[in-house]
Amino acid sequence: MLYSPEEAPDALDDGDLRTAEQPRDVTRGFLSVAAPEAGSGAQAVLLVVPELFTNALQRAGEVTGFRLEAGGGMVTMAIDDASPLPPQPRPLDPRVPGGIGWNVVQALSADVQVKVHAAGKTVTAIVPCATGITPQPPA
């Protein structure tokens, strides 16, 4: 199962992603179909999505793409933004707010990839999550 806002633009109002709550709500709806019994895997996905969005919004000013895919016991999320700069872990310092999001993404994901391209970058995270979707072989 694949979700892309271009396929259902009304799910995010006008398609302009402004807050981490919007993609979290879309992801919750996606998981209710793709992984209704996922438990802690679904909770991990619901933590990773807003962290990736927040990072893109803070560093690049906007999210230019958002995709979700489920299958094979994994949920893959890809977030595009206009900045070519990859996310950087920050040292944890209790005196400074923030800085834990990228660590959360990496801790909850089986794999995280950052691909820089002409339009910015795509951050892809794959989170273990029991899905009701069986991967289909290529046609």
C-alpha atoms as a PDB file:
ATOM      1  CA  MET A   1       0.000   0.000   0.000  1.00  0.00           C
ATOM      2  CA  LEU A   2       1.346   3.385  -0.993  1.00  0.00           C
ATOM      3  CA  TYR A   3       0.232   6.867   0.049  1.00  0.00           C
ATOM      4  CA  SER A   4       1.295  10.077  -1.640  1.00  0.00           C
ATOM      5  CA  PRO A   5      -0.486  13.426  -1.062  1.00  0.00           C
ATOM      6  CA  GLU A   6      -0.744  13.910  -4.824  1.00  0.00           C
ATOM      7  CA  GLU A   7      -3.160  10.947  -4.845  1.00  0.00           C
ATOM      8  CA  ALA A   8      -5.358  12.384  -2.073  1.00  0.00           C
ATOM      9  CA  PRO A   9      -4.689  16.121  -1.746  1.00  0.00           C
ATOM     10  CA  ASP A  10      -7.797  16.728   0.388  1.00  0.00           C
ATOM     11  CA  ALA A  11      -6.234  14.649   3.168  1.00  0.00           C
ATOM     12  CA  LEU A  12      -3.904  17.572   3.862  1.00  0.00           C
ATOM     13  CA  ASP A  13      -6.287  20.440   3.126  1.00  0.00           C
ATOM     14  CA  ASP A  14      -4.638  22.226   0.212  1.00  0.00           C
ATOM     15  CA  GLY A  15      -1.640  19.871   0.173  1.00  0.00           C
ATOM     16  CA  ASP A  16       0.600  22.445   1.862  1.00  0.00           C
ATOM     17  CA  LEU A  17       2.197  20.780   4.862  1.00  0.00           C
ATOM     18  CA  ARG A  18       2.620  23.373   7.589  1.00  0.00           C
ATOM     19  CA  THR A  19       2.773  21.453  10.859  1.00  0.00           C
ATOM     20  CA  ALA A  20       3.859  18.045  12.138  1.00  0.00           C
ATOM     21  CA  GLU A  21       0.259  17.346  13.204  1.00  0.00           C
ATOM     22  CA  GLN A  22      -1.014  17.179   9.608  1.00  0.00           C
ATOM     23  CA  PRO A  23       1.261  14.341   8.446  1.00  0.00           C
ATOM     24  CA  ARG A  24       0.789  12.577  11.796  1.00  0.00           C
ATOM     25  CA  ASP A  25      -2.983  12.568  11.223  1.00  0.00           C
ATOM     26  CA  VAL A  26      -2.549  11.306   7.654  1.00  0.00           C
ATOM     27  CA  THR A  27      -0.146   8.637   8.901  1.00  0.00           C
ATOM     28  CA  ARG A  28      -2.616   7.563  11.585  1.00  0.00           C
ATOM     29  CA  GLY A  29      -5.264   7.090   8.870  1.00  0.00           C
ATOM     30  CA  PHE A  30      -2.772   5.241   6.652  1.00  0.00           C
ATOM     31  CA  LEU A  31      -1.849   2.891   9.517  1.00  0.00           C
ATOM     32  CA  SER A  32      -5.508   2.208  10.327  1.00  0.00           C
ATOM     33  CA  VAL A  33      -5.723   0.537   6.905  1.00  0.00           C
ATOM     34  CA  ALA A  34      -2.174  -0.749   6.328  1.00  0.00           C
ATOM     35  CA  ALA A  35      -1.312  -1.850   9.876  1.00  0.00           C
ATOM     36  CA  PRO A  36      -4.440  -1.917  12.060  1.00  0.00           C
ATOM     37  CA  GLU A  37      -2.923  -4.336  14.591  1.00  0.00           C
ATOM     38  CA  ALA A  38       0.619  -2.958  14.604  1.00  0.00           C
ATOM     39  CA  GLY A  39       0.779  -1.797  18.242  1.00  0.00           C
ATOM     40  CA  SER A  40       4.239  -0.522  19.147  1.00  0.00           C
ATOM     41  CA  GLY A  41       5.346  -0.520  15.498  1.00  0.00           C
ATOM     42  CA  ALA A  42       2.581   1.932  14.656  1.00  0.00           C
ATOM     43  CA  GLN A  43       3.559   4.073  17.648  1.00  0.00           C
ATOM     44  CA  ALA A  44       7.151   4.152  16.375  1.00  0.00           C
ATOM     45  CA  VAL A  45       5.949   5.283  12.933  1.00  0.00           C
ATOM     46  CA  LEU A  46       3.815   7.981  14.581  1.00  0.00           C
ATOM     47  CA  LEU A  47       6.923   9.246  16.397  1.00  0.00           C
ATOM     48  CA  VAL A  48       9.242   9.188  13.370  1.00  0.00           C
ATOM     49  CA  VAL A  49       6.950  10.996  10.884  1.00  0.00           C
ATOM     50  CA  PRO A  50       6.597  14.248  12.875  1.00  0.00           C
ATOM     51  CA  GLU A  51      10.313  14.235  13.736  1.00  0.00           C
ATOM     52  CA  LEU A  52      11.207  14.075  10.039  1.00  0.00           C
ATOM     53  CA  PHE A  53       8.661  16.784   9.213  1.00  0.00           C
ATOM     54  CA  THR A  54       9.787  19.056  12.014  1.00  0.00           C
ATOM     55  CA  ASN A  55      13.398  18.695  10.906  1.00  0.00           C
ATOM     56  CA  ALA A  56      12.494  19.560   7.294  1.00  0.00           C
ATOM     57  CA  LEU A  57      10.334  22.516   8.336  1.00  0.00           C
ATOM     58  CA  GLN A  58      12.975  23.913  10.689  1.00  0.00           C
ATOM     59  CA  ARG A  59      15.943  23.414   8.373  1.00  0.00           C
ATOM     60  CA  ALA A  60      14.449  23.940   4.902  1.00  0.00           C
ATOM     61  CA  GLY A  61      11.308  25.965   5.646  1.00  0.00           C
ATOM     62  CA  GLU A  62       8.953  23.548   3.897  1.00  0.00           C
ATOM     63  CA  VAL A  63       8.298  19.941   2.993  1.00  0.00           C
ATOM     64  CA  THR A  64       8.136  19.381  -0.767  1.00  0.00           C
ATOM     65  CA  GLY A  65       7.108  15.715  -0.754  1.00  0.00           C
ATOM     66  CA  PHE A  66       5.704  13.051   1.568  1.00  0.00           C
ATOM     67  CA  ARG A  67       5.215   9.351   0.847  1.00  0.00           C
ATOM     68  CA  LEU A  68       4.229   6.376   2.953  1.00  0.00           C
ATOM     69  CA  GLU A  69       4.516   2.747   1.932  1.00  0.00           C
ATOM     70  CA  ALA A  70       3.673  -0.414   3.880  1.00  0.00           C
ATOM     71  CA  GLY A  71       4.561  -4.012   3.250  1.00  0.00           C
ATOM     72  CA  GLY A  72       6.682  -6.876   4.450  1.00  0.00           C
ATOM     73  CA  GLY A  73       6.415  -5.891   8.098  1.00  0.00           C
ATOM     74  CA  MET A  74       7.828  -2.424   7.457  1.00  0.00           C
ATOM     75  CA  VAL A  75       6.526   1.087   6.919  1.00  0.00           C
ATOM     76  CA  THR A  76       8.677   3.303   4.734  1.00  0.00           C
ATOM     77  CA  MET A  77       8.301   7.065   4.904  1.00  0.00           C
ATOM     78  CA  ALA A  78      10.048   9.510   2.595  1.00  0.00           C
ATOM     79  CA  ILE A  79      10.140  13.242   3.245  1.00  0.00           C
ATOM     80  CA  ASP A  80      11.470  15.662   0.617  1.00  0.00           C
ATOM     81  CA  ASP A  81      12.626  19.205   1.287  1.00  0.00           C
ATOM     82  CA  ALA A  82      14.500  21.913  -0.601  1.00  0.00           C
ATOM     83  CA  SER A  83      17.673  21.926   1.505  1.00  0.00           C
ATOM     84  CA  PRO A  84      20.665  19.900   0.317  1.00  0.00           C
ATOM     85  CA  LEU A  85      22.076  19.803   3.865  1.00  0.00           C
ATOM     86  CA  PRO A  86      21.684  16.386   5.523  1.00  0.00           C
ATOM     87  CA  PRO A  87      20.329  16.123   9.066  1.00  0.00           C
ATOM     88  CA  GLN A  88      23.039  16.301  11.701  1.00  0.00           C
ATOM     89  CA  PRO A  89      22.895  14.732  15.141  1.00  0.00           C
ATOM     90  CA  ARG A  90      23.430  17.241  17.905  1.00  0.00           C
ATOM     91  CA  PRO A  91      25.032  16.460  21.229  1.00  0.00           C
ATOM     92  CA  LEU A  92      22.419  15.912  23.903  1.00  0.00           C
ATOM     93  CA  ASP A  93      22.516  18.809  26.322  1.00  0.00           C
ATOM     94  CA  PRO A  94      19.758  19.122  28.943  1.00  0.00           C
ATOM     95  CA  ARG A  95      20.370  22.885  29.075  1.00  0.00           C
ATOM     96  CA  VAL A  96      19.501  23.336  25.373  1.00  0.00           C
ATOM     97  CA  PRO A  97      16.004  22.547  24.064  1.00  0.00           C
ATOM     98  CA  GLY A  98      15.646  20.207  21.117  1.00  0.00           C
ATOM     99  CA  GLY A  99      18.297  18.111  19.495  1.00  0.00           C
ATOM    100  CA  ILE A 100      16.848  14.660  20.128  1.00  0.00           C
ATOM    101  CA  GLY A 101      14.657  14.223  17.023  1.00  0.00           C
ATOM    102  CA  TRP A 102      17.319  12.804  14.708  1.00  0.00           C
ATOM    103  CA  ASN A 103      18.408  10.414  17.473  1.00  0.00           C
ATOM    104  CA  VAL A 104      14.776   9.249  17.843  1.00  0.00           C
ATOM    105  CA  VAL A 105      14.483   8.665  14.084  1.00  0.00           C
ATOM    106  CA  GLN A 106      17.660   6.602  14.008  1.00  0.00           C
ATOM    107  CA  ALA A 107      16.789   4.613  17.147  1.00  0.00           C
ATOM    108  CA  LEU A 108      13.309   3.611  15.934  1.00  0.00           C
ATOM    109  CA  SER A 109      14.214   2.929  12.296  1.00  0.00           C
ATOM    110  CA  ALA A 110      15.702  -0.218  10.815  1.00  0.00           C
ATOM    111  CA  ASP A 111      17.272   1.958   8.107  1.00  0.00           C
ATOM    112  CA  VAL A 112      17.564   5.679   7.410  1.00  0.00           C
ATOM    113  CA  GLN A 113      18.872   7.085   4.146  1.00  0.00           C
ATOM    114  CA  VAL A 114      19.500  10.651   3.018  1.00  0.00           C
ATOM    115  CA  LYS A 115      19.743  11.277  -0.714  1.00  0.00           C
ATOM    116  CA  VAL A 116      20.777  14.725  -1.896  1.00  0.00           C
ATOM    117  CA  HIS A 117      19.519  15.736  -5.353  1.00  0.00           C
ATOM    118  CA  ALA A 118      19.145  18.857  -7.474  1.00  0.00           C
ATOM    119  CA  ALA A 119      15.881  19.871  -5.756  1.00  0.00           C
ATOM    120  CA  GLY A 120      17.185  19.349  -2.193  1.00  0.00           C
ATOM    121  CA  LYS A 121      17.087  16.023  -0.391  1.00  0.00           C
ATOM    122  CA  THR A 122      14.934  13.038   0.449  1.00  0.00           C
ATOM    123  CA  VAL A 123      15.117  11.464   3.901  1.00  0.00           C
ATOM    124  CA  THR A 124      13.767   7.915   3.938  1.00  0.00           C
ATOM    125  CA  ALA A 125      13.168   5.974   7.143  1.00  0.00           C
ATOM    126  CA  ILE A 126      12.077   2.339   7.325  1.00  0.00           C
ATOM    127  CA  VAL A 127      10.393   1.362  10.584  1.00  0.00           C
ATOM    128  CA  PRO A 128       9.536  -2.216  11.599  1.00  0.00           C
ATOM    129  CA  CYS A 129       5.760  -2.360  11.828  1.00  0.00           C
ATOM    130  CA  ALA A 130       3.491  -5.388  11.453  1.00  0.00           C
ATOM    131  CA  THR A 131       1.461  -4.653   8.349  1.00  0.00           C
ATOM    132  CA  GLY A 132      -1.444  -6.475   6.807  1.00  0.00           C
ATOM    133  CA  ILE A 133       0.088  -5.893   3.381  1.00  0.00           C
ATOM    134  CA  THR A 134       1.991  -8.557   1.454  1.00  0.00           C
ATOM    135  CA  PRO A 135       4.587  -7.112  -0.908  1.00  0.00           C
ATOM    136  CA  GLN A 136       3.603  -7.579  -4.550  1.00  0.00           C
ATOM    137  CA  PRO A 137       6.220  -8.755  -7.041  1.00  0.00           C
ATOM    138  CA  PRO A 138       7.051  -6.255  -9.787  1.00  0.00           C
ATOM    139  CA  ALA A 139       4.760  -6.507 -12.813  1.00  0.00           C
END
